[in-house]
Amino acid sequence: MIVITVDTLGIPDELTERLAKKLSVLAIDRSRLAICGSHTHSGPMMECCANTLFGQSIADEQWQTILKYTAELESK
């Protein structure tokens, strides 16, 4: 069993599935993977998670930071 915890608002399904696919190379079944978000409202935002949280568009510069953070987290 692999348990991953992240201090963020939530974990996007897309990220979970990408990680599960990467782990399948190591013969780790999707059913043995748990990714948990702390649901903090003070943590970094992730791609595909509450993108309309503020009811308005996210500035391009902020969006690039969100994408960078998501990619860095996924690579770890």
PDB file of N, CA and C in Angstrom:
ATOM      1  N   MET A   1       0.843  -1.180   0.000  1.00  0.00           N
ATOM      2  CA  MET A   1       0.000   0.000   0.000  1.00  0.00           C
ATOM      3  C   MET A   1       0.886   1.242   0.000  1.00  0.00           C
ATOM      4  N   ILE A   2       0.536   2.192  -0.838  1.00  0.00           N
ATOM      5  CA  ILE A   2       1.245   3.465  -0.881  1.00  0.00           C
ATOM      6  C   ILE A   2       0.261   4.559  -0.480  1.00  0.00           C
ATOM      7  N   VAL A   3       0.635   5.349   0.515  1.00  0.00           N
ATOM      8  CA  VAL A   3      -0.183   6.469   0.964  1.00  0.00           C
ATOM      9  C   VAL A   3       0.627   7.745   0.762  1.00  0.00           C
ATOM     10  N   ILE A   4       0.059   8.676   0.030  1.00  0.00           N
ATOM     11  CA  ILE A   4       0.697   9.966  -0.234  1.00  0.00           C
ATOM     12  C   ILE A   4      -0.196  11.043   0.371  1.00  0.00           C
ATOM     13  N   THR A   5       0.392  11.931   1.153  1.00  0.00           N
ATOM     14  CA  THR A   5      -0.375  13.047   1.706  1.00  0.00           C
ATOM     15  C   THR A   5       0.159  14.358   1.144  1.00  0.00           C
ATOM     16  N   VAL A   6      -0.751  15.262   0.862  1.00  0.00           N
ATOM     17  CA  VAL A   6      -0.392  16.544   0.269  1.00  0.00           C
ATOM     18  C   VAL A   6      -1.159  17.640   1.005  1.00  0.00           C
ATOM     19  N   ASP A   7      -0.460  18.699   1.386  1.00  0.00           N
ATOM     20  CA  ASP A   7      -1.089  19.830   2.060  1.00  0.00           C
ATOM     21  C   ASP A   7      -1.651  20.777   1.011  1.00  0.00           C
ATOM     22  N   THR A   8      -2.840  20.469   0.524  1.00  0.00           N
ATOM     23  CA  THR A   8      -3.472  21.247  -0.531  1.00  0.00           C
ATOM     24  C   THR A   8      -4.986  21.160  -0.381  1.00  0.00           C
ATOM     25  N   LEU A   9      -5.701  21.969  -1.134  1.00  0.00           N
ATOM     26  CA  LEU A   9      -7.161  21.984  -1.061  1.00  0.00           C
ATOM     27  C   LEU A   9      -7.756  20.634  -1.452  1.00  0.00           C
ATOM     28  N   GLY A  10      -7.219  20.036  -2.483  1.00  0.00           N
ATOM     29  CA  GLY A  10      -7.720  18.751  -2.961  1.00  0.00           C
ATOM     30  C   GLY A  10      -6.760  18.141  -3.955  1.00  0.00           C
ATOM     31  N   ILE A  11      -7.019  16.908  -4.307  1.00  0.00           N
ATOM     32  CA  ILE A  11      -6.185  16.187  -5.268  1.00  0.00           C
ATOM     33  C   ILE A  11      -7.026  15.938  -6.523  1.00  0.00           C
ATOM     34  N   PRO A  12      -6.629  16.489  -7.656  1.00  0.00           N
ATOM     35  CA  PRO A  12      -7.390  16.279  -8.886  1.00  0.00           C
ATOM     36  C   PRO A  12      -7.367  14.813  -9.320  1.00  0.00           C
ATOM     37  N   ASP A  13      -8.501  14.318  -9.809  1.00  0.00           N
ATOM     38  CA  ASP A  13      -8.577  12.941 -10.305  1.00  0.00           C
ATOM     39  C   ASP A  13      -7.527  12.678 -11.377  1.00  0.00           C
ATOM     40  N   GLU A  14      -7.313  13.677 -12.240  1.00  0.00           N
ATOM     41  CA  GLU A  14      -6.347  13.511 -13.328  1.00  0.00           C
ATOM     42  C   GLU A  14      -4.952  13.211 -12.789  1.00  0.00           C
ATOM     43  N   LEU A  15      -4.564  13.888 -11.728  1.00  0.00           N
ATOM     44  CA  LEU A  15      -3.249  13.664 -11.124  1.00  0.00           C
ATOM     45  C   LEU A  15      -3.173  12.270 -10.513  1.00  0.00           C
ATOM     46  N   THR A  16      -4.219  11.870  -9.824  1.00  0.00           N
ATOM     47  CA  THR A  16      -4.259  10.536  -9.227  1.00  0.00           C
ATOM     48  C   THR A  16      -4.082   9.465 -10.293  1.00  0.00           C
ATOM     49  N   GLU A  17      -4.785   9.608 -11.401  1.00  0.00           N
ATOM     50  CA  GLU A  17      -4.699   8.606 -12.464  1.00  0.00           C
ATOM     51  C   GLU A  17      -3.327   8.603 -13.137  1.00  0.00           C
ATOM     52  N   ARG A  18      -2.729   9.777 -13.321  1.00  0.00           N
ATOM     53  CA  ARG A  18      -1.377   9.822 -13.908  1.00  0.00           C
ATOM     54  C   ARG A  18      -0.368   9.135 -12.991  1.00  0.00           C
ATOM     55  N   LEU A  19      -0.482   9.377 -11.677  1.00  0.00           N
ATOM     56  CA  LEU A  19       0.428   8.727 -10.732  1.00  0.00           C
ATOM     57  C   LEU A  19       0.199   7.221 -10.702  1.00  0.00           C
ATOM     58  N   ALA A  20      -1.053   6.799 -10.744  1.00  0.00           N
ATOM     59  CA  ALA A  20      -1.360   5.366 -10.753  1.00  0.00           C
ATOM     60  C   ALA A  20      -0.747   4.694 -11.979  1.00  0.00           C
ATOM     61  N   LYS A  21      -0.808   5.372 -13.113  1.00  0.00           N
ATOM     62  CA  LYS A  21      -0.225   4.821 -14.340  1.00  0.00           C
ATOM     63  C   LYS A  21       1.293   4.677 -14.203  1.00  0.00           C
ATOM     64  N   LYS A  22       1.946   5.689 -13.624  1.00  0.00           N
ATOM     65  CA  LYS A  22       3.393   5.610 -13.421  1.00  0.00           C
ATOM     66  C   LYS A  22       3.759   4.467 -12.478  1.00  0.00           C
ATOM     67  N   LEU A  23       2.968   4.281 -11.426  1.00  0.00           N
ATOM     68  CA  LEU A  23       3.256   3.228 -10.453  1.00  0.00           C
ATOM     69  C   LEU A  23       2.958   1.839 -10.999  1.00  0.00           C
ATOM     70  N   SER A  24       2.087   1.747 -11.998  1.00  0.00           N
ATOM     71  CA  SER A  24       1.767   0.437 -12.565  1.00  0.00           C
ATOM     72  C   SER A  24       2.994  -0.206 -13.204  1.00  0.00           C
ATOM     73  N   VAL A  25       3.944   0.613 -13.629  1.00  0.00           N
ATOM     74  CA  VAL A  25       5.202   0.099 -14.182  1.00  0.00           C
ATOM     75  C   VAL A  25       5.960  -0.708 -13.122  1.00  0.00           C
ATOM     76  N   LEU A  26       5.741  -0.356 -11.857  1.00  0.00           N
ATOM     77  CA  LEU A  26       6.382  -1.061 -10.743  1.00  0.00           C
ATOM     78  C   LEU A  26       5.493  -2.172 -10.193  1.00  0.00           C
ATOM     79  N   ALA A  27       4.465  -2.539 -10.951  1.00  0.00           N
ATOM     80  CA  ALA A  27       3.508  -3.584 -10.565  1.00  0.00           C
ATOM     81  C   ALA A  27       2.727  -3.214  -9.303  1.00  0.00           C
ATOM     82  N   ILE A  28       2.471  -1.916  -9.120  1.00  0.00           N
ATOM     83  CA  ILE A  28       1.651  -1.457  -8.001  1.00  0.00           C
ATOM     84  C   ILE A  28       0.257  -1.173  -8.548  1.00  0.00           C
ATOM     85  N   ASP A  29      -0.713  -1.950  -8.085  1.00  0.00           N
ATOM     86  CA  ASP A  29      -2.081  -1.830  -8.553  1.00  0.00           C
ATOM     87  C   ASP A  29      -2.728  -0.541  -8.046  1.00  0.00           C
ATOM     88  N   ARG A  30      -3.616   0.026  -8.845  1.00  0.00           N
ATOM     89  CA  ARG A  30      -4.317   1.267  -8.488  1.00  0.00           C
ATOM     90  C   ARG A  30      -5.036   1.149  -7.144  1.00  0.00           C
ATOM     91  N   SER A  31      -5.546  -0.031  -6.839  1.00  0.00           N
ATOM     92  CA  SER A  31      -6.280  -0.229  -5.584  1.00  0.00           C
ATOM     93  C   SER A  31      -5.380  -0.145  -4.357  1.00  0.00           C
ATOM     94  N   ARG A  32      -4.071  -0.120  -4.568  1.00  0.00           N
ATOM     95  CA  ARG A  32      -3.119  -0.056  -3.459  1.00  0.00           C
ATOM     96  C   ARG A  32      -2.529   1.347  -3.301  1.00  0.00           C
ATOM     97  N   LEU A  33      -3.155   2.332  -3.926  1.00  0.00           N
ATOM     98  CA  LEU A  33      -2.679   3.715  -3.888  1.00  0.00           C
ATOM     99  C   LEU A  33      -3.733   4.614  -3.253  1.00  0.00           C
ATOM    100  N   ALA A  34      -3.329   5.376  -2.245  1.00  0.00           N
ATOM    101  CA  ALA A  34      -4.211   6.370  -1.625  1.00  0.00           C
ATOM    102  C   ALA A  34      -3.489   7.710  -1.611  1.00  0.00           C
ATOM    103  N   ILE A  35      -4.138   8.718  -2.158  1.00  0.00           N
ATOM    104  CA  ILE A  35      -3.582  10.068  -2.141  1.00  0.00           C
ATOM    105  C   ILE A  35      -4.567  10.943  -1.375  1.00  0.00           C
ATOM    106  N   CYS A  36      -4.079  11.586  -0.346  1.00  0.00           N
ATOM    107  CA  CYS A  36      -4.943  12.356   0.552  1.00  0.00           C
ATOM    108  C   CYS A  36      -4.519  13.819   0.573  1.00  0.00           C
ATOM    109  N   GLY A  37      -5.487  14.704   0.421  1.00  0.00           N
ATOM    110  CA  GLY A  37      -5.251  16.141   0.559  1.00  0.00           C
ATOM    111  C   GLY A  37      -5.772  16.602   1.905  1.00  0.00           C
ATOM    112  N   SER A  38      -5.061  17.498   2.538  1.00  0.00           N
ATOM    113  CA  SER A  38      -5.453  17.981   3.868  1.00  0.00           C
ATOM    114  C   SER A  38      -6.657  18.929   3.815  1.00  0.00           C
ATOM    115  N   HIS A  39      -6.988  19.414   2.641  1.00  0.00           N
ATOM    116  CA  HIS A  39      -8.074  20.363   2.393  1.00  0.00           C
ATOM    117  C   HIS A  39      -7.807  21.709   3.074  1.00  0.00           C
ATOM    118  N   THR A  40      -6.575  22.140   3.033  1.00  0.00           N
ATOM    119  CA  THR A  40      -6.247  23.467   3.552  1.00  0.00           C
ATOM    120  C   THR A  40      -6.607  24.530   2.523  1.00  0.00           C
ATOM    121  N   HIS A  41      -7.080  25.651   2.987  1.00  0.00           N
ATOM    122  CA  HIS A  41      -7.360  26.770   2.082  1.00  0.00           C
ATOM    123  C   HIS A  41      -6.177  27.734   2.031  1.00  0.00           C
ATOM    124  N   SER A  42      -5.088  27.354   2.687  1.00  0.00           N
ATOM    125  CA  SER A  42      -3.888  28.192   2.708  1.00  0.00           C
ATOM    126  C   SER A  42      -2.756  27.598   1.884  1.00  0.00           C
ATOM    127  N   GLY A  43      -2.961  26.414   1.334  1.00  0.00           N
ATOM    128  CA  GLY A  43      -1.919  25.739   0.567  1.00  0.00           C
ATOM    129  C   GLY A  43      -1.959  26.147  -0.893  1.00  0.00           C
ATOM    130  N   PRO A  44      -1.023  25.640  -1.670  1.00  0.00           N
ATOM    131  CA  PRO A  44      -0.965  25.975  -3.091  1.00  0.00           C
ATOM    132  C   PRO A  44      -2.132  25.356  -3.860  1.00  0.00           C
ATOM    133  N   MET A  45      -2.533  26.024  -4.908  1.00  0.00           N
ATOM    134  CA  MET A  45      -3.587  25.519  -5.777  1.00  0.00           C
ATOM    135  C   MET A  45      -2.979  24.561  -6.783  1.00  0.00           C
ATOM    136  N   MET A  46      -3.763  23.564  -7.190  1.00  0.00           N
ATOM    137  CA  MET A  46      -3.292  22.598  -8.168  1.00  0.00           C
ATOM    138  C   MET A  46      -4.147  22.665  -9.424  1.00  0.00           C
ATOM    139  N   GLU A  47      -3.562  22.231 -10.524  1.00  0.00           N
ATOM    140  CA  GLU A  47      -4.275  22.152 -11.797  1.00  0.00           C
ATOM    141  C   GLU A  47      -5.503  21.245 -11.642  1.00  0.00           C
ATOM    142  N   CYS A  48      -6.609  21.623 -12.249  1.00  0.00           N
ATOM    143  CA  CYS A  48      -7.838  20.809 -12.276  1.00  0.00           C
ATOM    144  C   CYS A  48      -8.480  20.614 -10.909  1.00  0.00           C
ATOM    145  N   CYS A  49      -8.267  21.539 -10.003  1.00  0.00           N
ATOM    146  CA  CYS A  49      -8.877  21.428  -8.676  1.00  0.00           C
ATOM    147  C   CYS A  49      -9.404  22.799  -8.260  1.00  0.00           C
ATOM    148  N   ALA A  50     -10.720  22.955  -8.274  1.00  0.00           N
ATOM    149  CA  ALA A  50     -11.367  24.205  -7.855  1.00  0.00           C
ATOM    150  C   ALA A  50     -10.910  25.405  -8.692  1.00  0.00           C
ATOM    151  N   ASN A  51     -10.837  25.214  -9.997  1.00  0.00           N
ATOM    152  CA  ASN A  51     -10.347  26.281 -10.878  1.00  0.00           C
ATOM    153  C   ASN A  51     -11.252  27.505 -10.913  1.00  0.00           C
ATOM    154  N   THR A  52     -12.495  27.369 -10.472  1.00  0.00           N
ATOM    155  CA  THR A  52     -13.414  28.510 -10.453  1.00  0.00           C
ATOM    156  C   THR A  52     -13.732  28.921  -9.019  1.00  0.00           C
ATOM    157  N   LEU A  53     -12.853  28.602  -8.118  1.00  0.00           N
ATOM    158  CA  LEU A  53     -13.054  28.853  -6.691  1.00  0.00           C
ATOM    159  C   LEU A  53     -13.432  30.301  -6.400  1.00  0.00           C
ATOM    160  N   PHE A  54     -12.838  31.236  -7.099  1.00  0.00           N
ATOM    161  CA  PHE A  54     -13.069  32.649  -6.822  1.00  0.00           C
ATOM    162  C   PHE A  54     -14.106  33.275  -7.750  1.00  0.00           C
ATOM    163  N   GLY A  55     -14.722  32.485  -8.609  1.00  0.00           N
ATOM    164  CA  GLY A  55     -15.768  32.977  -9.486  1.00  0.00           C
ATOM    165  C   GLY A  55     -15.293  33.889 -10.592  1.00  0.00           C
ATOM    166  N   GLN A  56     -14.008  33.876 -10.861  1.00  0.00           N
ATOM    167  CA  GLN A  56     -13.457  34.698 -11.934  1.00  0.00           C
ATOM    168  C   GLN A  56     -12.240  34.005 -12.521  1.00  0.00           C
ATOM    169  N   SER A  57     -11.797  34.509 -13.641  1.00  0.00           N
ATOM    170  CA  SER A  57     -10.632  33.919 -14.305  1.00  0.00           C
ATOM    171  C   SER A  57      -9.376  34.093 -13.464  1.00  0.00           C
ATOM    172  N   ILE A  58      -8.492  33.140 -13.606  1.00  0.00           N
ATOM    173  CA  ILE A  58      -7.199  33.203 -12.926  1.00  0.00           C
ATOM    174  C   ILE A  58      -6.210  33.861 -13.881  1.00  0.00           C
ATOM    175  N   ALA A  59      -5.472  34.835 -13.395  1.00  0.00           N
ATOM    176  CA  ALA A  59      -4.485  35.542 -14.224  1.00  0.00           C
ATOM    177  C   ALA A  59      -3.467  34.556 -14.784  1.00  0.00           C
ATOM    178  N   ASP A  60      -3.001  34.820 -16.019  1.00  0.00           N
ATOM    179  CA  ASP A  60      -2.075  33.910 -16.696  1.00  0.00           C
ATOM    180  C   ASP A  60      -0.823  33.641 -15.862  1.00  0.00           C
ATOM    181  N   GLU A  61      -0.268  34.674 -15.254  1.00  0.00           N
ATOM    182  CA  GLU A  61       0.939  34.498 -14.436  1.00  0.00           C
ATOM    183  C   GLU A  61       0.673  33.540 -13.270  1.00  0.00           C
ATOM    184  N   GLN A  62      -0.479  33.674 -12.636  1.00  0.00           N
ATOM    185  CA  GLN A  62      -0.832  32.775 -11.538  1.00  0.00           C
ATOM    186  C   GLN A  62      -1.075  31.362 -12.056  1.00  0.00           C
ATOM    187  N   TRP A  63      -1.726  31.263 -13.223  1.00  0.00           N
ATOM    188  CA  TRP A  63      -2.000  29.956 -13.806  1.00  0.00           C
ATOM    189  C   TRP A  63      -0.694  29.221 -14.121  1.00  0.00           C
ATOM    190  N   GLN A  64       0.306  29.930 -14.619  1.00  0.00           N
ATOM    191  CA  GLN A  64       1.601  29.309 -14.902  1.00  0.00           C
ATOM    192  C   GLN A  64       2.241  28.783 -13.616  1.00  0.00           C
ATOM    193  N   THR A  65       2.077  29.504 -12.516  1.00  0.00           N
ATOM    194  CA  THR A  65       2.595  29.053 -11.221  1.00  0.00           C
ATOM    195  C   THR A  65       1.866  27.794 -10.767  1.00  0.00           C
ATOM    196  N   ILE A  66       0.561  27.745 -10.969  1.00  0.00           N
ATOM    197  CA  ILE A  66      -0.241  26.570 -10.608  1.00  0.00           C
ATOM    198  C   ILE A  66       0.224  25.354 -11.401  1.00  0.00           C
ATOM    199  N   LEU A  67       0.403  25.521 -12.707  1.00  0.00           N
ATOM    200  CA  LEU A  67       0.855  24.415 -13.558  1.00  0.00           C
ATOM    201  C   LEU A  67       2.245  23.939 -13.151  1.00  0.00           C
ATOM    202  N   LYS A  68       3.131  24.876 -12.844  1.00  0.00           N
ATOM    203  CA  LYS A  68       4.493  24.529 -12.430  1.00  0.00           C
ATOM    204  C   LYS A  68       4.464  23.743 -11.121  1.00  0.00           C
ATOM    205  N   TYR A  69       3.675  24.199 -10.151  1.00  0.00           N
ATOM    206  CA  TYR A  69       3.592  23.500  -8.870  1.00  0.00           C
ATOM    207  C   TYR A  69       3.050  22.083  -9.059  1.00  0.00           C
ATOM    208  N   THR A  70       1.993  21.939  -9.858  1.00  0.00           N
ATOM    209  CA  THR A  70       1.407  20.621 -10.095  1.00  0.00           C
ATOM    210  C   THR A  70       2.432  19.688 -10.729  1.00  0.00           C
ATOM    211  N   ALA A  71       3.160  20.167 -11.724  1.00  0.00           N
ATOM    212  CA  ALA A  71       4.174  19.344 -12.396  1.00  0.00           C
ATOM    213  C   ALA A  71       5.301  18.956 -11.443  1.00  0.00           C
ATOM    214  N   GLU A  72       5.746  19.896 -10.617  1.00  0.00           N
ATOM    215  CA  GLU A  72       6.816  19.594  -9.656  1.00  0.00           C
ATOM    216  C   GLU A  72       6.362  18.557  -8.635  1.00  0.00           C
ATOM    217  N   LEU A  73       5.149  18.704  -8.151  1.00  0.00           N
ATOM    218  CA  LEU A  73       4.625  17.744  -7.181  1.00  0.00           C
ATOM    219  C   LEU A  73       4.513  16.359  -7.800  1.00  0.00           C
ATOM    220  N   GLU A  74       4.012  16.299  -9.022  1.00  0.00           N
ATOM    221  CA  GLU A  74       3.863  15.010  -9.703  1.00  0.00           C
ATOM    222  C   GLU A  74       5.214  14.341  -9.944  1.00  0.00           C
ATOM    223  N   SER A  75       6.238  15.121 -10.217  1.00  0.00           N
ATOM    224  CA  SER A  75       7.556  14.540 -10.505  1.00  0.00           C
ATOM    225  C   SER A  75       8.236  13.964  -9.268  1.00  0.00           C
ATOM    226  N   LYS A  76       7.791  14.396  -8.085  1.00  0.00           N
ATOM    227  CA  LYS A  76       8.390  13.883  -6.849  1.00  0.00           C
ATOM    228  C   LYS A  76       7.890  12.492  -6.579  1.00  0.00           C
TER     229      LYS A  76
END
